[in-house]
C-alpha atoms as a PDB file:
ATOM      1  CA  UNK A   1     -22.904 -22.177   9.984  1.00  0.00           C
ATOM      2  CA  UNK A   2     -23.253 -19.691  11.358  1.00  0.00           C
ATOM      3  CA  UNK A   3     -20.659 -16.792  10.208  1.00  0.00           C
ATOM      4  CA  UNK A   4     -19.000 -16.685  13.363  1.00  0.00           C
ATOM      5  CA  UNK A   5     -17.571 -20.280  13.355  1.00  0.00           C
ATOM      6  CA  UNK A   6     -17.448 -19.671   9.300  1.00  0.00           C
ATOM      7  CA  UNK A   7     -14.384 -16.916   9.937  1.00  0.00           C
ATOM      8  CA  UNK A   8     -13.183 -18.979  12.808  1.00  0.00           C
ATOM      9  CA  UNK A   9     -12.483 -21.944  10.488  1.00  0.00           C
ATOM     10  CA  UNK A  10     -11.783 -19.804   7.347  1.00  0.00           C
ATOM     11  CA  UNK A  11      -8.155 -18.159   9.655  1.00  0.00           C
ATOM     12  CA  UNK A  12      -8.184 -21.361  10.526  1.00  0.00           C
ATOM     13  CA  UNK A  13      -8.092 -22.652   6.875  1.00  0.00           C
ATOM     14  CA  UNK A  14      -5.554 -19.629   5.842  1.00  0.00           C
ATOM     15  CA  UNK A  15      -3.149 -21.141   8.385  1.00  0.00           C
ATOM     16  CA  UNK A  16      -3.500 -24.392   7.156  1.00  0.00           C
ATOM     17  CA  UNK A  17      -3.732 -24.197   3.323  1.00  0.00           C
ATOM     18  CA  UNK A  18      -7.557 -24.600   3.197  1.00  0.00           C
ATOM     19  CA  UNK A  19      -8.864 -22.532  -0.646  1.00  0.00           C
ATOM     20  CA  UNK A  20     -12.191 -21.313  -0.904  1.00  0.00           C
ATOM     21  CA  UNK A  21     -14.300 -21.683  -3.983  1.00  0.00           C
ATOM     22  CA  UNK A  22     -15.522 -18.353  -5.460  1.00  0.00           C
ATOM     23  CA  UNK A  23     -18.804 -18.568  -4.098  1.00  0.00           C
ATOM     24  CA  UNK A  24     -17.617 -19.089  -0.738  1.00  0.00           C
ATOM     25  CA  UNK A  25     -15.309 -16.376  -0.521  1.00  0.00           C
ATOM     26  CA  UNK A  26     -18.591 -13.936  -1.846  1.00  0.00           C
ATOM     27  CA  UNK A  27     -20.819 -15.834   0.875  1.00  0.00           C
ATOM     28  CA  UNK A  28     -18.308 -15.063   3.698  1.00  0.00           C
ATOM     29  CA  UNK A  29     -17.852 -10.905   2.601  1.00  0.00           C
ATOM     30  CA  UNK A  30     -21.070 -10.308   1.554  1.00  0.00           C
ATOM     31  CA  UNK A  31     -21.229 -11.121   5.343  1.00  0.00           C
ATOM     32  CA  UNK A  32     -19.196  -9.248   6.435  1.00  0.00           C
ATOM     33  CA  UNK A  33     -20.739  -6.036   4.558  1.00  0.00           C
ATOM     34  CA  UNK A  34     -23.362  -5.694   6.139  1.00  0.00           C
ATOM     35  CA  UNK A  35     -21.478  -5.058   9.436  1.00  0.00           C
ATOM     36  CA  UNK A  36     -21.361  -1.290   8.002  1.00  0.00           C
ATOM     37  CA  UNK A  37     -18.004  -0.780   9.196  1.00  0.00           C
ATOM     38  CA  UNK A  38     -15.139  -1.099   7.309  1.00  0.00           C
ATOM     39  CA  UNK A  39     -10.988  -0.645   6.701  1.00  0.00           C
ATOM     40  CA  UNK A  40      -8.693   2.301   6.888  1.00  0.00           C
ATOM     41  CA  UNK A  41      -6.512   2.430   4.148  1.00  0.00           C
ATOM     42  CA  UNK A  42      -3.022   3.657   4.604  1.00  0.00           C
ATOM     43  CA  UNK A  43      -0.086   5.326   2.636  1.00  0.00           C
ATOM     44  CA  UNK A  44       3.152   4.803   3.365  1.00  0.00           C
ATOM     45  CA  UNK A  45       6.518   6.536   2.657  1.00  0.00           C
ATOM     46  CA  UNK A  46       8.648   3.057   2.637  1.00  0.00           C
ATOM     47  CA  UNK A  47      12.024   4.833   1.219  1.00  0.00           C
ATOM     48  CA  UNK A  48      15.180   2.908   1.803  1.00  0.00           C
ATOM     49  CA  UNK A  49      15.534  -0.733   1.507  1.00  0.00           C
ATOM     50  CA  UNK A  50      17.018  -0.594   4.592  1.00  0.00           C
ATOM     51  CA  UNK A  51      14.255  -0.003   7.237  1.00  0.00           C
ATOM     52  CA  UNK A  52      13.442  -3.489   7.300  1.00  0.00           C
ATOM     53  CA  UNK A  53      16.564  -4.577   8.948  1.00  0.00           C
ATOM     54  CA  UNK A  54      16.851  -1.507  11.106  1.00  0.00           C
ATOM     55  CA  UNK A  55      15.178   0.172  13.853  1.00  0.00           C
ATOM     56  CA  UNK A  56      15.190   3.614  14.069  1.00  0.00           C
ATOM     57  CA  UNK A  57      12.057   6.446  14.409  1.00  0.00           C
ATOM     58  CA  UNK A  58      10.399   5.363  11.462  1.00  0.00           C
ATOM     59  CA  UNK A  59      10.352   1.955  11.461  1.00  0.00           C
ATOM     60  CA  UNK A  60       9.124   2.561  15.868  1.00  0.00           C
ATOM     61  CA  UNK A  61       6.424   4.811  14.089  1.00  0.00           C
ATOM     62  CA  UNK A  62       5.060   1.298  11.322  1.00  0.00           C
ATOM     63  CA  UNK A  63       5.172  -0.886  14.835  1.00  0.00           C
ATOM     64  CA  UNK A  64       3.156   0.967  16.521  1.00  0.00           C
ATOM     65  CA  UNK A  65       0.837   1.603  13.816  1.00  0.00           C
ATOM     66  CA  UNK A  66      -0.048  -2.502  13.849  1.00  0.00           C
ATOM     67  CA  UNK A  67      -0.315  -2.517  17.514  1.00  0.00           C
ATOM     68  CA  UNK A  68      -3.830  -0.013  16.394  1.00  0.00           C
ATOM     69  CA  UNK A  69      -4.981  -0.965  13.714  1.00  0.00           C
ATOM     70  CA  UNK A  70      -7.508  -3.124  13.908  1.00  0.00           C
ATOM     71  CA  UNK A  71      -6.913  -6.470  12.096  1.00  0.00           C
ATOM     72  CA  UNK A  72      -7.629  -7.162   9.016  1.00  0.00           C
ATOM     73  CA  UNK A  73      -9.048 -10.067   6.913  1.00  0.00           C
ATOM     74  CA  UNK A  74      -7.161  -9.512   4.149  1.00  0.00           C
ATOM     75  CA  UNK A  75      -3.834  -7.315   3.545  1.00  0.00           C
ATOM     76  CA  UNK A  76      -3.936  -5.078  -0.687  1.00  0.00           C
ATOM     77  CA  UNK A  77      -0.980  -3.750  -1.396  1.00  0.00           C
ATOM     78  CA  UNK A  78       0.190  -0.906  -3.764  1.00  0.00           C
ATOM     79  CA  UNK A  79       3.622  -0.814  -4.115  1.00  0.00           C
ATOM     80  CA  UNK A  80       5.669   1.476  -6.212  1.00  0.00           C
ATOM     81  CA  UNK A  81       8.054  -1.210  -7.244  1.00  0.00           C
ATOM     82  CA  UNK A  82       5.269  -3.506  -9.543  1.00  0.00           C
ATOM     83  CA  UNK A  83       4.930  -1.251 -12.014  1.00  0.00           C
ATOM     84  CA  UNK A  84       2.927  -3.335 -15.155  1.00  0.00           C
ATOM     85  CA  UNK A  85       1.756  -1.745 -18.635  1.00  0.00           C
ATOM     86  CA  UNK A  86      -1.666  -2.910 -17.774  1.00  0.00           C
ATOM     87  CA  UNK A  87      -3.263  -3.475 -14.814  1.00  0.00           C
ATOM     88  CA  UNK A  88      -2.259  -7.529 -12.880  1.00  0.00           C
ATOM     89  CA  UNK A  89      -3.310  -8.748  -9.849  1.00  0.00           C
ATOM     90  CA  UNK A  90      -1.703 -11.038  -7.840  1.00  0.00           C
ATOM     91  CA  UNK A  91      -2.955 -14.404  -8.012  1.00  0.00           C
ATOM     92  CA  UNK A  92      -1.030 -17.120  -6.065  1.00  0.00           C
ATOM     93  CA  UNK A  93      -1.290 -19.171  -2.715  1.00  0.00           C
ATOM     94  CA  UNK A  94       2.174 -19.127  -1.453  1.00  0.00           C
ATOM     95  CA  UNK A  95       3.700 -15.658  -2.868  1.00  0.00           C
ATOM     96  CA  UNK A  96       7.568 -15.907  -3.212  1.00  0.00           C
ATOM     97  CA  UNK A  97       9.889 -12.787  -1.961  1.00  0.00           C
ATOM     98  CA  UNK A  98      11.052 -10.852  -4.425  1.00  0.00           C
ATOM     99  CA  UNK A  99      14.596  -8.864  -3.497  1.00  0.00           C
ATOM    100  CA  UNK A 100      13.956  -6.152  -6.723  1.00  0.00           C
ATOM    101  CA  UNK A 101      16.993  -4.092  -5.089  1.00  0.00           C
ATOM    102  CA  UNK A 102      21.075  -3.443  -5.943  1.00  0.00           C
ATOM    103  CA  UNK A 103      23.587  -3.507  -3.670  1.00  0.00           C
ATOM    104  CA  UNK A 104      22.708  -3.798   0.201  1.00  0.00           C
ATOM    105  CA  UNK A 105      23.341  -5.997   2.915  1.00  0.00           C
ATOM    106  CA  UNK A 106      23.643 -10.139   2.834  1.00  0.00           C
ATOM    107  CA  UNK A 107      21.131  -9.357   5.698  1.00  0.00           C
ATOM    108  CA  UNK A 108      18.643  -8.031   3.789  1.00  0.00           C
ATOM    109  CA  UNK A 109      18.480 -10.366   0.668  1.00  0.00           C
ATOM    110  CA  UNK A 110      18.399 -13.371   3.875  1.00  0.00           C
ATOM    111  CA  UNK A 111      14.598 -11.589   4.940  1.00  0.00           C
ATOM    112  CA  UNK A 112      11.487 -13.589   4.752  1.00  0.00           C
ATOM    113  CA  UNK A 113       7.796 -12.579   4.415  1.00  0.00           C
ATOM    114  CA  UNK A 114       5.543 -15.646   4.671  1.00  0.00           C
ATOM    115  CA  UNK A 115       2.247 -14.666   4.610  1.00  0.00           C
ATOM    116  CA  UNK A 116      -0.272 -16.572   2.562  1.00  0.00           C
ATOM    117  CA  UNK A 117      -1.555 -15.305   0.055  1.00  0.00           C
ATOM    118  CA  UNK A 118      -5.229 -14.462  -1.330  1.00  0.00           C
ATOM    119  CA  UNK A 119      -6.561 -15.749  -4.891  1.00  0.00           C
ATOM    120  CA  UNK A 120      -9.618 -15.999  -3.592  1.00  0.00           C
ATOM    121  CA  UNK A 121     -10.024 -12.384  -2.692  1.00  0.00           C
ATOM    122  CA  UNK A 122      -8.092 -10.907  -5.690  1.00  0.00           C
ATOM    123  CA  UNK A 123     -10.405 -12.638  -8.489  1.00  0.00           C
ATOM    124  CA  UNK A 124     -12.879 -11.390  -6.120  1.00  0.00           C
ATOM    125  CA  UNK A 125     -10.889  -7.422  -6.360  1.00  0.00           C
ATOM    126  CA  UNK A 126     -10.624  -7.586 -10.877  1.00  0.00           C
ATOM    127  CA  UNK A 127     -14.077  -8.197 -10.838  1.00  0.00           C
ATOM    128  CA  UNK A 128     -15.197  -4.986  -8.029  1.00  0.00           C
ATOM    129  CA  UNK A 129     -13.965  -3.462 -11.581  1.00  0.00           C
ATOM    130  CA  UNK A 130     -16.017  -2.350 -14.595  1.00  0.00           C
ATOM    131  CA  UNK A 131     -13.986  -0.164 -16.898  1.00  0.00           C
ATOM    132  CA  UNK A 132     -11.463  -1.935 -17.584  1.00  0.00           C
ATOM    133  CA  UNK A 133      -9.800  -5.310 -17.275  1.00  0.00           C
ATOM    134  CA  UNK A 134      -7.542  -6.179 -14.847  1.00  0.00           C
ATOM    135  CA  UNK A 135      -4.983  -9.595 -15.833  1.00  0.00           C
ATOM    136  CA  UNK A 136      -4.030 -12.655 -13.383  1.00  0.00           C
ATOM    137  CA  UNK A 137      -0.631 -12.706 -12.758  1.00  0.00           C
ATOM    138  CA  UNK A 138       0.409 -15.998 -11.469  1.00  0.00           C
ATOM    139  CA  UNK A 139       4.650 -14.896 -11.035  1.00  0.00           C
ATOM    140  CA  UNK A 140       4.975 -12.267  -9.005  1.00  0.00           C
ATOM    141  CA  UNK A 141       5.885 -12.182  -5.344  1.00  0.00           C
ATOM    142  CA  UNK A 142       6.244  -9.889  -2.423  1.00  0.00           C
ATOM    143  CA  UNK A 143       8.433  -6.934  -3.610  1.00  0.00           C
ATOM    144  CA  UNK A 144      10.197  -3.934  -1.004  1.00  0.00           C
ATOM    145  CA  UNK A 145       7.848  -2.419  -1.562  1.00  0.00           C
ATOM    146  CA  UNK A 146       5.096  -4.497   0.800  1.00  0.00           C
ATOM    147  CA  UNK A 147       7.766  -6.264   2.948  1.00  0.00           C
ATOM    148  CA  UNK A 148       9.895  -3.440   4.509  1.00  0.00           C
ATOM    149  CA  UNK A 149       6.544  -2.402   5.283  1.00  0.00           C
ATOM    150  CA  UNK A 150       4.270  -5.303   6.074  1.00  0.00           C
ATOM    151  CA  UNK A 151       7.280  -7.016   8.104  1.00  0.00           C
ATOM    152  CA  UNK A 152       6.756  -4.262  10.971  1.00  0.00           C
ATOM    153  CA  UNK A 153       3.085  -3.202  11.137  1.00  0.00           C
ATOM    154  CA  UNK A 154       2.128  -6.739  11.207  1.00  0.00           C
ATOM    155  CA  UNK A 155       5.633  -8.990  12.093  1.00  0.00           C
ATOM    156  CA  UNK A 156       3.580 -12.483  12.787  1.00  0.00           C
ATOM    157  CA  UNK A 157       2.827 -12.406   8.734  1.00  0.00           C
ATOM    158  CA  UNK A 158      -0.318 -14.438   9.881  1.00  0.00           C
ATOM    159  CA  UNK A 159      -2.394 -12.513   7.623  1.00  0.00           C
ATOM    160  CA  UNK A 160      -3.707 -13.320   3.880  1.00  0.00           C
ATOM    161  CA  UNK A 161      -2.233 -10.837   1.362  1.00  0.00           C
ATOM    162  CA  UNK A 162      -1.785  -9.737  -2.601  1.00  0.00           C
ATOM    163  CA  UNK A 163      -1.123  -7.246  -4.491  1.00  0.00           C
ATOM    164  CA  UNK A 164      -1.856  -5.143  -7.138  1.00  0.00           C
ATOM    165  CA  UNK A 165      -0.117  -4.148 -10.045  1.00  0.00           C
ATOM    166  CA  UNK A 166       0.405  -0.137 -10.938  1.00  0.00           C
ATOM    167  CA  UNK A 167      -0.178   0.746 -14.546  1.00  0.00           C
ATOM    168  CA  UNK A 168       2.961   2.873 -15.525  1.00  0.00           C
ATOM    169  CA  UNK A 169       1.194   4.242 -18.494  1.00  0.00           C
ATOM    170  CA  UNK A 170      -1.544   5.755 -17.019  1.00  0.00           C
ATOM    171  CA  UNK A 171      -2.282   8.810 -15.790  1.00  0.00           C
ATOM    172  CA  UNK A 172      -2.494  10.134 -12.409  1.00  0.00           C
ATOM    173  CA  UNK A 173      -6.248  11.152 -13.038  1.00  0.00           C
ATOM    174  CA  UNK A 174      -7.317   6.885 -14.255  1.00  0.00           C
ATOM    175  CA  UNK A 175      -5.482   5.902 -11.420  1.00  0.00           C
ATOM    176  CA  UNK A 176      -7.984   7.956  -8.726  1.00  0.00           C
ATOM    177  CA  UNK A 177     -10.739   6.420 -10.875  1.00  0.00           C
ATOM    178  CA  UNK A 178      -9.716   2.890 -10.863  1.00  0.00           C
ATOM    179  CA  UNK A 179      -9.216   3.243  -6.883  1.00  0.00           C
ATOM    180  CA  UNK A 180     -12.922   4.363  -6.660  1.00  0.00           C
ATOM    181  CA  UNK A 181     -13.757   1.243  -8.004  1.00  0.00           C
ATOM    182  CA  UNK A 182     -11.523  -0.476  -5.427  1.00  0.00           C
ATOM    183  CA  UNK A 183     -13.900   1.058  -2.180  1.00  0.00           C
ATOM    184  CA  UNK A 184     -15.892  -1.771  -1.693  1.00  0.00           C
ATOM    185  CA  UNK A 185     -12.954  -3.241   0.010  1.00  0.00           C
ATOM    186  CA  UNK A 186     -13.001  -1.499   3.239  1.00  0.00           C
ATOM    187  CA  UNK A 187     -16.448  -3.538   4.027  1.00  0.00           C
ATOM    188  CA  UNK A 188     -14.525  -6.728   3.486  1.00  0.00           C
ATOM    189  CA  UNK A 189     -12.084  -6.722   6.377  1.00  0.00           C
ATOM    190  CA  UNK A 190      -9.156  -5.382   3.454  1.00  0.00           C
ATOM    191  CA  UNK A 191      -6.448  -3.125   4.083  1.00  0.00           C
ATOM    192  CA  UNK A 192      -5.676  -1.280   1.703  1.00  0.00           C
ATOM    193  CA  UNK A 193      -2.115   0.151   1.398  1.00  0.00           C
ATOM    194  CA  UNK A 194      -0.521   1.977  -0.826  1.00  0.00           C
ATOM    195  CA  UNK A 195       3.272   1.805  -0.698  1.00  0.00           C
ATOM    196  CA  UNK A 196       5.898   4.640  -1.899  1.00  0.00           C
ATOM    197  CA  UNK A 197       6.890   7.871  -1.024  1.00  0.00           C
ATOM    198  CA  UNK A 198       5.235  11.465  -1.787  1.00  0.00           C
ATOM    199  CA  UNK A 199       8.665  12.809  -2.660  1.00  0.00           C
ATOM    200  CA  UNK A 200      11.262  10.688  -4.311  1.00  0.00           C
ATOM    201  CA  UNK A 201      14.777  12.289  -6.395  1.00  0.00           C
ATOM    202  CA  UNK A 202      17.180   9.883  -6.458  1.00  0.00           C
ATOM    203  CA  UNK A 203      19.137  11.735  -8.260  1.00  0.00           C
ATOM    204  CA  UNK A 204      19.751  14.403  -5.515  1.00  0.00           C
ATOM    205  CA  UNK A 205      19.608  12.002  -1.829  1.00  0.00           C
ATOM    206  CA  UNK A 206      22.079  12.292  -0.165  1.00  0.00           C
ATOM    207  CA  UNK A 207      22.819   8.881   0.716  1.00  0.00           C
ATOM    208  CA  UNK A 208      25.519   9.597   3.341  1.00  0.00           C
ATOM    209  CA  UNK A 209      22.937  11.335   6.655  1.00  0.00           C
ATOM    210  CA  UNK A 210      19.596  10.199   6.671  1.00  0.00           C
ATOM    211  CA  UNK A 211      19.035  12.848   9.009  1.00  0.00           C
ATOM    212  CA  UNK A 212      20.247  15.536   6.835  1.00  0.00           C
ATOM    213  CA  UNK A 213      17.618  18.607   6.140  1.00  0.00           C
ATOM    214  CA  UNK A 214      14.919  18.577   3.723  1.00  0.00           C
ATOM    215  CA  UNK A 215      15.351  20.043   0.640  1.00  0.00           C
ATOM    216  CA  UNK A 216      13.428  23.391   0.163  1.00  0.00           C
ATOM    217  CA  UNK A 217      11.570  21.938  -2.629  1.00  0.00           C
ATOM    218  CA  UNK A 218      11.008  18.598  -0.968  1.00  0.00           C
ATOM    219  CA  UNK A 219       9.962  20.466   2.231  1.00  0.00           C
ATOM    220  CA  UNK A 220       7.325  23.114  -0.078  1.00  0.00           C
ATOM    221  CA  UNK A 221       6.162  20.206  -2.189  1.00  0.00           C
ATOM    222  CA  UNK A 222       5.637  17.613   1.106  1.00  0.00           C
ATOM    223  CA  UNK A 223       3.467  21.303   3.154  1.00  0.00           C
ATOM    224  CA  UNK A 224       1.320  21.454  -0.103  1.00  0.00           C
ATOM    225  CA  UNK A 225       0.434  17.949  -0.729  1.00  0.00           C
ATOM    226  CA  UNK A 226      -0.509  18.033   2.747  1.00  0.00           C
ATOM    227  CA  UNK A 227      -2.687  20.810   2.537  1.00  0.00           C
ATOM    228  CA  UNK A 228      -4.601  18.727  -0.592  1.00  0.00           C
ATOM    229  CA  UNK A 229      -5.059  15.823   1.435  1.00  0.00           C
ATOM    230  CA  UNK A 230      -5.997  17.696   5.066  1.00  0.00           C
ATOM    231  CA  UNK A 231      -8.671  20.021   3.057  1.00  0.00           C
ATOM    232  CA  UNK A 232     -10.048  17.161   1.094  1.00  0.00           C
ATOM    233  CA  UNK A 233      -9.241  17.836  -1.801  1.00  0.00           C
ATOM    234  CA  UNK A 234      -8.349  15.245  -4.249  1.00  0.00           C
ATOM    235  CA  UNK A 235      -7.821  17.244  -7.637  1.00  0.00           C
ATOM    236  CA  UNK A 236      -5.005  19.090  -5.596  1.00  0.00           C
ATOM    237  CA  UNK A 237      -3.791  15.619  -5.272  1.00  0.00           C
ATOM    238  CA  UNK A 238      -3.759  14.246  -8.168  1.00  0.00           C
ATOM    239  CA  UNK A 239      -3.412  16.901 -10.286  1.00  0.00           C
ATOM    240  CA  UNK A 240       0.210  18.109  -8.660  1.00  0.00           C
ATOM    241  CA  UNK A 241       1.800  18.060 -11.372  1.00  0.00           C
ATOM    242  CA  UNK A 242       0.251  21.966 -11.583  1.00  0.00           C
ATOM    243  CA  UNK A 243       2.501  22.333  -8.428  1.00  0.00           C
ATOM    244  CA  UNK A 244       5.477  23.201 -11.132  1.00  0.00           C
ATOM    245  CA  UNK A 245       8.993  23.078 -10.279  1.00  0.00           C
ATOM    246  CA  UNK A 246       8.652  21.835  -7.046  1.00  0.00           C
ATOM    247  CA  UNK A 247       7.067  18.826  -7.858  1.00  0.00           C
ATOM    248  CA  UNK A 248       8.903  18.880 -11.796  1.00  0.00           C
ATOM    249  CA  UNK A 249      11.996  18.100  -8.285  1.00  0.00           C
ATOM    250  CA  UNK A 250       9.680  15.539  -5.798  1.00  0.00           C
ATOM    251  CA  UNK A 251       8.205  13.966  -8.795  1.00  0.00           C
ATOM    252  CA  UNK A 252      10.550  13.425 -11.580  1.00  0.00           C
ATOM    253  CA  UNK A 253       8.519  10.348 -11.992  1.00  0.00           C
ATOM    254  CA  UNK A 254       5.727   9.299 -10.935  1.00  0.00           C
ATOM    255  CA  UNK A 255       6.626   5.355  -9.199  1.00  0.00           C
ATOM    256  CA  UNK A 256       5.977   6.739  -6.569  1.00  0.00           C
ATOM    257  CA  UNK A 257       3.708   8.996  -6.478  1.00  0.00           C
ATOM    258  CA  UNK A 258       0.763   6.936  -7.639  1.00  0.00           C
ATOM    259  CA  UNK A 259       0.066   4.561  -4.612  1.00  0.00           C
ATOM    260  CA  UNK A 260      -0.575   7.605  -2.710  1.00  0.00           C
ATOM    261  CA  UNK A 261      -3.124   8.605  -5.515  1.00  0.00           C
ATOM    262  CA  UNK A 262      -4.952   5.386  -4.858  1.00  0.00           C
ATOM    263  CA  UNK A 263      -4.853   6.759  -1.327  1.00  0.00           C
ATOM    264  CA  UNK A 264      -7.039   9.123  -2.102  1.00  0.00           C
ATOM    265  CA  UNK A 265      -9.242   7.394  -4.515  1.00  0.00           C
ATOM    266  CA  UNK A 266     -10.389   4.978  -1.563  1.00  0.00           C
ATOM    267  CA  UNK A 267     -10.928   8.157   0.752  1.00  0.00           C
ATOM    268  CA  UNK A 268     -14.246   8.645   2.345  1.00  0.00           C
ATOM    269  CA  UNK A 269     -16.226  11.154   2.971  1.00  0.00           C
ATOM    270  CA  UNK A 270     -16.446  10.290   6.795  1.00  0.00           C
ATOM    271  CA  UNK A 271     -12.211   9.524   6.955  1.00  0.00           C
ATOM    272  CA  UNK A 272     -10.584  10.934   9.428  1.00  0.00           C
ATOM    273  CA  UNK A 273      -7.270  11.633   8.278  1.00  0.00           C
ATOM    274  CA  UNK A 274      -4.098  11.168  10.599  1.00  0.00           C
ATOM    275  CA  UNK A 275       0.110  11.051   9.546  1.00  0.00           C
ATOM    276  CA  UNK A 276       2.257   8.658  11.558  1.00  0.00           C
ATOM    277  CA  UNK A 277       5.141   9.364  10.596  1.00  0.00           C
ATOM    278  CA  UNK A 278       6.277  13.073   9.002  1.00  0.00           C
ATOM    279  CA  UNK A 279      10.056  13.186   8.747  1.00  0.00           C
ATOM    280  CA  UNK A 280      12.516  13.731   5.873  1.00  0.00           C
ATOM    281  CA  UNK A 281      15.106  11.144   5.557  1.00  0.00           C
ATOM    282  CA  UNK A 282      18.044  12.104   3.447  1.00  0.00           C
ATOM    283  CA  UNK A 283      17.198  15.381   2.589  1.00  0.00           C
ATOM    284  CA  UNK A 284      14.973  14.872   0.041  1.00  0.00           C
ATOM    285  CA  UNK A 285      12.538  11.486   0.651  1.00  0.00           C
ATOM    286  CA  UNK A 286       9.159  12.723   2.528  1.00  0.00           C
ATOM    287  CA  UNK A 287       8.203   9.590   4.580  1.00  0.00           C
ATOM    288  CA  UNK A 288       5.639  10.741   5.591  1.00  0.00           C
ATOM    289  CA  UNK A 289       2.586   8.026   6.321  1.00  0.00           C
ATOM    290  CA  UNK A 290      -0.994   9.548   5.625  1.00  0.00           C
ATOM    291  CA  UNK A 291      -4.248   6.849   7.431  1.00  0.00           C
ATOM    292  CA  UNK A 292      -7.959   7.344   6.310  1.00  0.00           C
ATOM    293  CA  UNK A 293      -9.666   6.016   8.634  1.00  0.00           C
END
């Protein structure tokens, strides 16, 4: 079977529950790598879970971005809402929905994103990483850091999706080095998305006003990190704590910032950078999205 026919068969198979063997998957990904092309890397500030069901300028920006992105063979999501001790990869044929939020309208808990999983690709991802052992996870599903974004980017839910957990007990530098080992996925047709928020201090959020003016410290931190990104200063992004009081207020704990560290670790020198969205919500949440392509 030639490559085009194989890819066509693969696409049909994924939609019908077909599962590749490891040998078949490796043959497929080897063929993709020969093209020399690479998928973009995207960081999305996902903000409130309500963005999953609301129509606003942020969600419209995601829809527009989804129409511009090249269609991936699969999507890997690093979500601020799957935090573990150790690193785990989602090996599930049909991941369930995870409604990991409380006190929201019933409509939000009825959202479905029925994309297939990618077990073979998840196992291949684990084999790419040499300096740590990545454990298989057969229980975790799609959390809202995943589906609140993907249902706008790729509303048809017809692209295989899997998640890699974030070890909450490791440093930003550790996560940056892990991301560097995942770069090969970009040339295997995988779109990698980090989903968090560049600034995330829920204790200081103005929940009554979506368009509240951003706090000075939030603007200061967001602008400084943007400067690091535009100048290719990965160390500045990783060593964000050196930014002092603004960093302590913007990142009181690292769960939502670490997905950005992964996207920076996945960056290549030939990438161009853009910011598909760069506004604030509720006065303290930077909704900045970052695209490396």
